PDB file of all heavy atoms in Angstrom:
ATOM      1  N   ASP A   1     131.369 125.019  90.588  1.00  0.00           N
ATOM      2  CA  ASP A   1     132.557 125.602  91.214  1.00  0.00           C
ATOM      3  C   ASP A   1     132.715 127.071  90.847  1.00  0.00           C
ATOM      4  O   ASP A   1     133.251 127.861  91.634  1.00  0.00           O
ATOM      5  CB  ASP A   1     133.812 124.830  90.791  1.00  0.00           C
ATOM      6  CG  ASP A   1     133.858 123.433  91.409  1.00  0.00           C
ATOM      7  OD1 ASP A   1     133.196 123.223  92.441  1.00  0.00           O
ATOM      8  OD2 ASP A   1     134.565 122.560  90.855  1.00  0.00           O
ATOM      9  N   ASP A   2     132.263 127.449  89.643  1.00  0.00           N
ATOM     10  CA  ASP A   2     132.418 128.833  89.190  1.00  0.00           C
ATOM     11  C   ASP A   2     131.165 129.660  89.463  1.00  0.00           C
ATOM     12  O   ASP A   2     131.013 130.763  88.936  1.00  0.00           O
ATOM     13  CB  ASP A   2     132.754 128.878  87.695  1.00  0.00           C
ATOM     14  CG  ASP A   2     131.665 128.229  86.831  1.00  0.00           C
ATOM     15  OD1 ASP A   2     130.728 127.609  87.395  1.00  0.00           O
ATOM     16  OD2 ASP A   2     131.746 128.352  85.592  1.00  0.00           O
ATOM     17  N   GLY A   3     130.256 129.138  90.285  1.00  0.00           N
ATOM     18  CA  GLY A   3     129.018 129.846  90.581  1.00  0.00           C
ATOM     19  C   GLY A   3     129.192 130.894  91.670  1.00  0.00           C
ATOM     20  O   GLY A   3     130.297 131.125  92.180  1.00  0.00           O
ATOM     21  N   LYS A   4     128.066 131.520  92.042  1.00  0.00           N
ATOM     22  CA  LYS A   4     128.069 132.547  93.082  1.00  0.00           C
ATOM     23  C   LYS A   4     127.881 131.909  94.455  1.00  0.00           C
ATOM     24  O   LYS A   4     127.165 130.924  94.602  1.00  0.00           O
ATOM     25  CB  LYS A   4     126.957 133.560  92.820  1.00  0.00           C
ATOM     26  CG  LYS A   4     127.149 134.383  91.556  1.00  0.00           C
ATOM     27  CD  LYS A   4     126.024 135.382  91.384  1.00  0.00           C
ATOM     28  CE  LYS A   4     126.222 136.233  90.143  1.00  0.00           C
ATOM     29  NZ  LYS A   4     125.108 137.203  89.963  1.00  0.00           N
ATOM     30  N   HIS A   5     128.531 132.504  95.452  1.00  0.00           N
ATOM     31  CA  HIS A   5     128.456 132.027  96.830  1.00  0.00           C
ATOM     32  C   HIS A   5     126.999 131.899  97.268  1.00  0.00           C
ATOM     33  O   HIS A   5     126.194 132.813  97.082  1.00  0.00           O
ATOM     34  CB  HIS A   5     129.198 133.017  97.729  1.00  0.00           C
ATOM     35  CG  HIS A   5     129.148 132.681  99.187  1.00  0.00           C
ATOM     36  ND1 HIS A   5     129.645 131.489  99.703  1.00  0.00           N
ATOM     37  CD2 HIS A   5     128.657 133.371 100.255  1.00  0.00           C
ATOM     38  CE1 HIS A   5     129.476 131.476 101.008  1.00  0.00           C
ATOM     39  NE2 HIS A   5     128.872 132.599 101.373  1.00  0.00           N
ATOM     40  N   ALA A   6     126.632 130.754  97.844  1.00  0.00           N
ATOM     41  CA  ALA A   6     125.256 130.521  98.274  1.00  0.00           C
ATOM     42  C   ALA A   6     125.245 129.649  99.530  1.00  0.00           C
ATOM     43  O   ALA A   6     125.895 128.607  99.568  1.00  0.00           O
ATOM     44  CB  ALA A   6     124.460 129.847  97.161  1.00  0.00           C
ATOM     45  N   VAL A   7     124.494 130.096 100.551  1.00  0.00           N
ATOM     46  CA  VAL A   7     124.430 129.373 101.821  1.00  0.00           C
ATOM     47  C   VAL A   7     122.975 129.211 102.248  1.00  0.00           C
ATOM     48  O   VAL A   7     122.222 130.187 102.325  1.00  0.00           O
ATOM     49  CB  VAL A   7     125.209 130.101 102.933  1.00  0.00           C
ATOM     50  CG1 VAL A   7     125.104 129.324 104.246  1.00  0.00           C
ATOM     51  CG2 VAL A   7     126.671 130.281 102.531  1.00  0.00           C
ATOM     52  N   THR A   8     122.585 127.967 102.527  1.00  0.00           N
ATOM     53  CA  THR A   8     121.224 127.632 102.936  1.00  0.00           C
ATOM     54  C   THR A   8     121.263 126.844 104.239  1.00  0.00           C
ATOM     55  O   THR A   8     121.987 125.853 104.345  1.00  0.00           O
ATOM     56  CB  THR A   8     120.524 126.765 101.863  1.00  0.00           C
ATOM     57  OG1 THR A   8     120.498 127.480 100.622  1.00  0.00           O
ATOM     58  CG2 THR A   8     119.110 126.413 102.277  1.00  0.00           C
ATOM     59  N   HIS A   9     120.506 127.287 105.249  1.00  0.00           N
ATOM     60  CA  HIS A   9     120.395 126.569 106.523  1.00  0.00           C
ATOM     61  C   HIS A   9     119.026 125.889 106.579  1.00  0.00           C
ATOM     62  O   HIS A   9     118.014 126.501 106.223  1.00  0.00           O
ATOM     63  CB  HIS A   9     120.524 127.533 107.706  1.00  0.00           C
ATOM     64  CG  HIS A   9     121.757 128.384 107.664  1.00  0.00           C
ATOM     65  ND1 HIS A   9     123.003 127.896 107.977  1.00  0.00           N
ATOM     66  CD2 HIS A   9     121.928 129.691 107.328  1.00  0.00           C
ATOM     67  CE1 HIS A   9     123.896 128.866 107.848  1.00  0.00           C
ATOM     68  NE2 HIS A   9     123.272 129.964 107.457  1.00  0.00           N
ATOM     69  N   TYR A  10     118.990 124.636 107.019  1.00  0.00           N
ATOM     70  CA  TYR A  10     117.711 123.928 107.075  1.00  0.00           C
ATOM     71  C   TYR A  10     117.566 123.176 108.396  1.00  0.00           C
ATOM     72  O   TYR A  10     118.541 122.797 109.036  1.00  0.00           O
ATOM     73  CB  TYR A  10     117.573 122.953 105.905  1.00  0.00           C
ATOM     74  CG  TYR A  10     118.476 121.732 106.001  1.00  0.00           C
ATOM     75  CD1 TYR A  10     118.051 120.567 106.643  1.00  0.00           C
ATOM     76  CD2 TYR A  10     119.758 121.752 105.466  1.00  0.00           C
ATOM     77  CE1 TYR A  10     118.878 119.454 106.749  1.00  0.00           C
ATOM     78  CE2 TYR A  10     120.597 120.654 105.558  1.00  0.00           C
ATOM     79  CZ  TYR A  10     120.144 119.513 106.207  1.00  0.00           C
ATOM     80  OH  TYR A  10     120.970 118.410 106.320  1.00  0.00           O
ATOM     81  N   GLN A  11     116.318 122.966 108.789  1.00  0.00           N
ATOM     82  CA  GLN A  11     115.999 122.208 109.993  1.00  0.00           C
ATOM     83  C   GLN A  11     114.728 121.408 109.722  1.00  0.00           C
ATOM     84  O   GLN A  11     113.746 121.944 109.198  1.00  0.00           O
ATOM     85  CB  GLN A  11     115.784 123.149 111.182  1.00  0.00           C
ATOM     86  CG  GLN A  11     115.392 122.432 112.467  1.00  0.00           C
ATOM     87  CD  GLN A  11     115.203 123.399 113.624  1.00  0.00           C
ATOM     88  OE1 GLN A  11     115.381 124.605 113.476  1.00  0.00           O
ATOM     89  NE2 GLN A  11     114.829 122.876 114.774  1.00  0.00           N
ATOM     90  N   THR A  12     114.732 120.132 110.073  1.00  0.00           N
ATOM     91  CA  THR A  12     113.554 119.292 109.855  1.00  0.00           C
ATOM     92  C   THR A  12     112.495 119.584 110.908  1.00  0.00           C
ATOM     93  O   THR A  12     112.757 119.515 112.110  1.00  0.00           O
ATOM     94  CB  THR A  12     113.932 117.800 109.903  1.00  0.00           C
ATOM     95  OG1 THR A  12     114.899 117.529 108.874  1.00  0.00           O
ATOM     96  CG2 THR A  12     112.705 116.926 109.683  1.00  0.00           C
ATOM     97  N   LEU A  13     111.293 119.923 110.444  1.00  0.00           N
ATOM     98  CA  LEU A  13     110.156 120.156 111.330  1.00  0.00           C
ATOM     99  C   LEU A  13     109.318 118.904 111.506  1.00  0.00           C
ATOM    100  O   LEU A  13     108.840 118.601 112.599  1.00  0.00           O
ATOM    101  CB  LEU A  13     109.270 121.283 110.779  1.00  0.00           C
ATOM    102  CG  LEU A  13     109.902 122.666 110.633  1.00  0.00           C
ATOM    103  CD1 LEU A  13     108.888 123.624 110.021  1.00  0.00           C
ATOM    104  CD2 LEU A  13     110.389 123.174 111.983  1.00  0.00           C
ATOM    105  N   GLU A  14     109.110 118.173 110.400  1.00  0.00           N
ATOM    106  CA  GLU A  14     108.311 116.948 110.420  1.00  0.00           C
ATOM    107  C   GLU A  14     108.958 115.927 109.495  1.00  0.00           C
ATOM    108  O   GLU A  14     109.391 116.271 108.399  1.00  0.00           O
ATOM    109  CB  GLU A  14     106.878 117.206 109.929  1.00  0.00           C
ATOM    110  CG  GLU A  14     106.100 118.240 110.710  1.00  0.00           C
ATOM    111  CD  GLU A  14     104.713 118.496 110.109  1.00  0.00           C
ATOM    112  OE1 GLU A  14     104.246 117.651 109.313  1.00  0.00           O
ATOM    113  OE2 GLU A  14     104.110 119.538 110.430  1.00  0.00           O
ATOM    114  N   ALA A  15     109.015 114.682 109.935  1.00  0.00           N
ATOM    115  CA  ALA A  15     109.543 113.598 109.099  1.00  0.00           C
ATOM    116  C   ALA A  15     108.435 112.573 108.905  1.00  0.00           C
ATOM    117  O   ALA A  15     107.907 112.022 109.876  1.00  0.00           O
ATOM    118  CB  ALA A  15     110.759 112.951 109.740  1.00  0.00           C
ATOM    119  N   HIS A  16     108.063 112.335 107.651  1.00  0.00           N
ATOM    120  CA  HIS A  16     107.006 111.380 107.334  1.00  0.00           C
ATOM    121  C   HIS A  16     107.569 110.244 106.490  1.00  0.00           C
ATOM    122  O   HIS A  16     108.769 110.211 106.221  1.00  0.00           O
ATOM    123  CB  HIS A  16     105.857 112.103 106.625  1.00  0.00           C
ATOM    124  CG  HIS A  16     105.260 113.198 107.446  1.00  0.00           C
ATOM    125  ND1 HIS A  16     104.434 112.948 108.520  1.00  0.00           N
ATOM    126  CD2 HIS A  16     105.414 114.550 107.383  1.00  0.00           C
ATOM    127  CE1 HIS A  16     104.078 114.091 109.077  1.00  0.00           C
ATOM    128  NE2 HIS A  16     104.662 115.091 108.406  1.00  0.00           N
ATOM    129  N   ARG A  17     106.715 109.365 106.065  1.00  0.00           N
ATOM    130  CA  ARG A  17     107.189 108.131 105.439  1.00  0.00           C
ATOM    131  C   ARG A  17     108.057 108.397 104.212  1.00  0.00           C
ATOM    132  O   ARG A  17     109.126 107.799 104.050  1.00  0.00           O
ATOM    133  CB  ARG A  17     106.002 107.249 105.041  1.00  0.00           C
ATOM    134  CG  ARG A  17     106.429 105.857 104.587  1.00  0.00           C
ATOM    135  CD  ARG A  17     105.245 104.945 104.426  1.00  0.00           C
ATOM    136  NE  ARG A  17     104.385 105.345 103.331  1.00  0.00           N
ATOM    137  CZ  ARG A  17     103.287 104.668 102.959  1.00  0.00           C
ATOM    138  NH1 ARG A  17     102.930 103.598 103.638  1.00  0.00           N
ATOM    139  NH2 ARG A  17     102.559 105.081 101.958  1.00  0.00           N
ATOM    140  N   TYR A  18     107.631 109.303 103.346  1.00  0.00           N
ATOM    141  CA  TYR A  18     108.410 109.511 102.127  1.00  0.00           C
ATOM    142  C   TYR A  18     108.736 110.986 101.868  1.00  0.00           C
ATOM    143  O   TYR A  18     109.184 111.346 100.786  1.00  0.00           O
ATOM    144  CB  TYR A  18     107.683 108.930 100.908  1.00  0.00           C
ATOM    145  CG  TYR A  18     106.217 109.301 100.809  1.00  0.00           C
ATOM    146  CD1 TYR A  18     105.815 110.525 100.291  1.00  0.00           C
ATOM    147  CD2 TYR A  18     105.230 108.403 101.222  1.00  0.00           C
ATOM    148  CE1 TYR A  18     104.489 110.856 100.193  1.00  0.00           C
ATOM    149  CE2 TYR A  18     103.893 108.731 101.127  1.00  0.00           C
ATOM    150  CZ  TYR A  18     103.523 109.956 100.604  1.00  0.00           C
ATOM    151  OH  TYR A  18     102.189 110.288 100.507  1.00  0.00           O
ATOM    152  N   ALA A  19     108.516 111.842 102.856  1.00  0.00           N
ATOM    153  CA  ALA A  19     108.852 113.246 102.674  1.00  0.00           C
ATOM    154  C   ALA A  19     109.045 113.922 104.024  1.00  0.00           C
ATOM    155  O   ALA A  19     108.562 113.435 105.054  1.00  0.00           O
ATOM    156  CB  ALA A  19     107.762 113.967 101.880  1.00  0.00           C
ATOM    157  N   SER A  20     109.749 115.038 104.029  1.00  0.00           N
ATOM    158  CA  SER A  20     110.022 115.792 105.248  1.00  0.00           C
ATOM    159  C   SER A  20     109.688 117.264 105.032  1.00  0.00           C
ATOM    160  O   SER A  20     109.957 117.825 103.961  1.00  0.00           O
ATOM    161  CB  SER A  20     111.496 115.681 105.640  1.00  0.00           C
ATOM    162  OG  SER A  20     111.876 114.334 105.856  1.00  0.00           O
ATOM    163  N   LEU A  21     109.111 117.876 106.064  1.00  0.00           N
ATOM    164  CA  LEU A  21     108.841 119.310 106.038  1.00  0.00           C
ATOM    165  C   LEU A  21     110.015 120.023 106.700  1.00  0.00           C
ATOM    166  O   LEU A  21     110.340 119.748 107.861  1.00  0.00           O
ATOM    167  CB  LEU A  21     107.543 119.641 106.767  1.00  0.00           C
ATOM    168  CG  LEU A  21     107.156 121.125 106.798  1.00  0.00           C
ATOM    169  CD1 LEU A  21     106.839 121.619 105.387  1.00  0.00           C
ATOM    170  CD2 LEU A  21     105.957 121.348 107.725  1.00  0.00           C
ATOM    171  N   LEU A  22     110.658 120.925 105.960  1.00  0.00           N
ATOM    172  CA  LEU A  22     111.824 121.639 106.462  1.00  0.00           C
ATOM    173  C   LEU A  22     111.522 123.114 106.669  1.00  0.00           C
ATOM    174  O   LEU A  22     110.723 123.700 105.942  1.00  0.00           O
ATOM    175  CB  LEU A  22     112.993 121.530 105.474  1.00  0.00           C
ATOM    176  CG  LEU A  22     113.426 120.160 104.981  1.00  0.00           C
ATOM    177  CD1 LEU A  22     114.658 120.315 104.081  1.00  0.00           C
ATOM    178  CD2 LEU A  22     113.704 119.217 106.140  1.00  0.00           C
ATOM    179  N   GLU A  23     112.195 123.701 107.668  1.00  0.00           N
ATOM    180  CA  GLU A  23     112.233 125.154 107.784  1.00  0.00           C
ATOM    181  C   GLU A  23     113.595 125.578 107.288  1.00  0.00           C
ATOM    182  O   GLU A  23     114.624 125.037 107.729  1.00  0.00           O
ATOM    183  CB  GLU A  23     112.017 125.609 109.224  1.00  0.00           C
ATOM    184  CG  GLU A  23     112.047 127.125 109.364  1.00  0.00           C
ATOM    185  CD  GLU A  23     111.398 127.617 110.645  1.00  0.00           C
ATOM    186  OE1 GLU A  23     110.148 127.527 110.743  1.00  0.00           O
ATOM    187  OE2 GLU A  23     112.140 128.067 111.538  1.00  0.00           O
ATOM    188  N   ILE A  24     113.601 126.544 106.375  1.00  0.00           N
ATOM    189  CA  ILE A  24     114.834 126.930 105.703  1.00  0.00           C
ATOM    190  C   ILE A  24     115.074 128.422 105.857  1.00  0.00           C
ATOM    191  O   ILE A  24     114.163 129.234 105.666  1.00  0.00           O
ATOM    192  CB  ILE A  24     114.772 126.558 104.207  1.00  0.00           C
ATOM    193  CG1 ILE A  24     114.723 125.030 104.057  1.00  0.00           C
ATOM    194  CG2 ILE A  24     115.951 127.139 103.452  1.00  0.00           C
ATOM    195  CD1 ILE A  24     114.537 124.551 102.649  1.00  0.00           C
ATOM    196  N   ASN A  25     116.292 128.770 106.215  1.00  0.00           N
ATOM    197  CA  ASN A  25     116.700 130.175 106.311  1.00  0.00           C
ATOM    198  C   ASN A  25     117.804 130.431 105.296  1.00  0.00           C
ATOM    199  O   ASN A  25     118.789 129.694 105.245  1.00  0.00           O
ATOM    200  CB  ASN A  25     117.196 130.509 107.712  1.00  0.00           C
ATOM    201  CG  ASN A  25     116.090 130.447 108.743  1.00  0.00           C
ATOM    202  OD1 ASN A  25     115.917 129.434 109.414  1.00  0.00           O
ATOM    203  ND2 ASN A  25     115.324 131.515 108.876  1.00  0.00           N
ATOM    204  N   LEU A  26     117.616 131.463 104.501  1.00  0.00           N
ATOM    205  CA  LEU A  26     118.594 131.794 103.476  1.00  0.00           C
ATOM    206  C   LEU A  26     119.570 132.840 103.974  1.00  0.00           C
ATOM    207  O   LEU A  26     119.166 133.895 104.459  1.00  0.00           O
ATOM    208  CB  LEU A  26     117.887 132.324 102.222  1.00  0.00           C
ATOM    209  CG  LEU A  26     117.035 131.333 101.443  1.00  0.00           C
ATOM    210  CD1 LEU A  26     116.477 131.997 100.194  1.00  0.00           C
ATOM    211  CD2 LEU A  26     117.843 130.103 101.057  1.00  0.00           C
ATOM    212  N   GLU A  27     120.842 132.526 103.829  1.00  0.00           N
ATOM    213  CA  GLU A  27     121.883 133.503 104.150  1.00  0.00           C
ATOM    214  C   GLU A  27     122.168 134.363 102.932  1.00  0.00           C
ATOM    215  O   GLU A  27     122.525 135.535 103.043  1.00  0.00           O
ATOM    216  CB  GLU A  27     123.144 132.774 104.610  1.00  0.00           C
ATOM    217  CG  GLU A  27     124.197 133.683 105.202  1.00  0.00           C
ATOM    218  CD  GLU A  27     125.309 132.895 105.852  1.00  0.00           C
ATOM    219  OE1 GLU A  27     125.019 131.949 106.629  1.00  0.00           O
ATOM    220  OE2 GLU A  27     126.486 133.218 105.588  1.00  0.00           O
TER     221      GLU A  27
END
């Protein structure tokens, strides 16, 4: 709660049996 403002946007590119590949954009 006392940390610095942080925003992360993510989108799933591939979904596999036990893991997913994400594309992530940092704000």
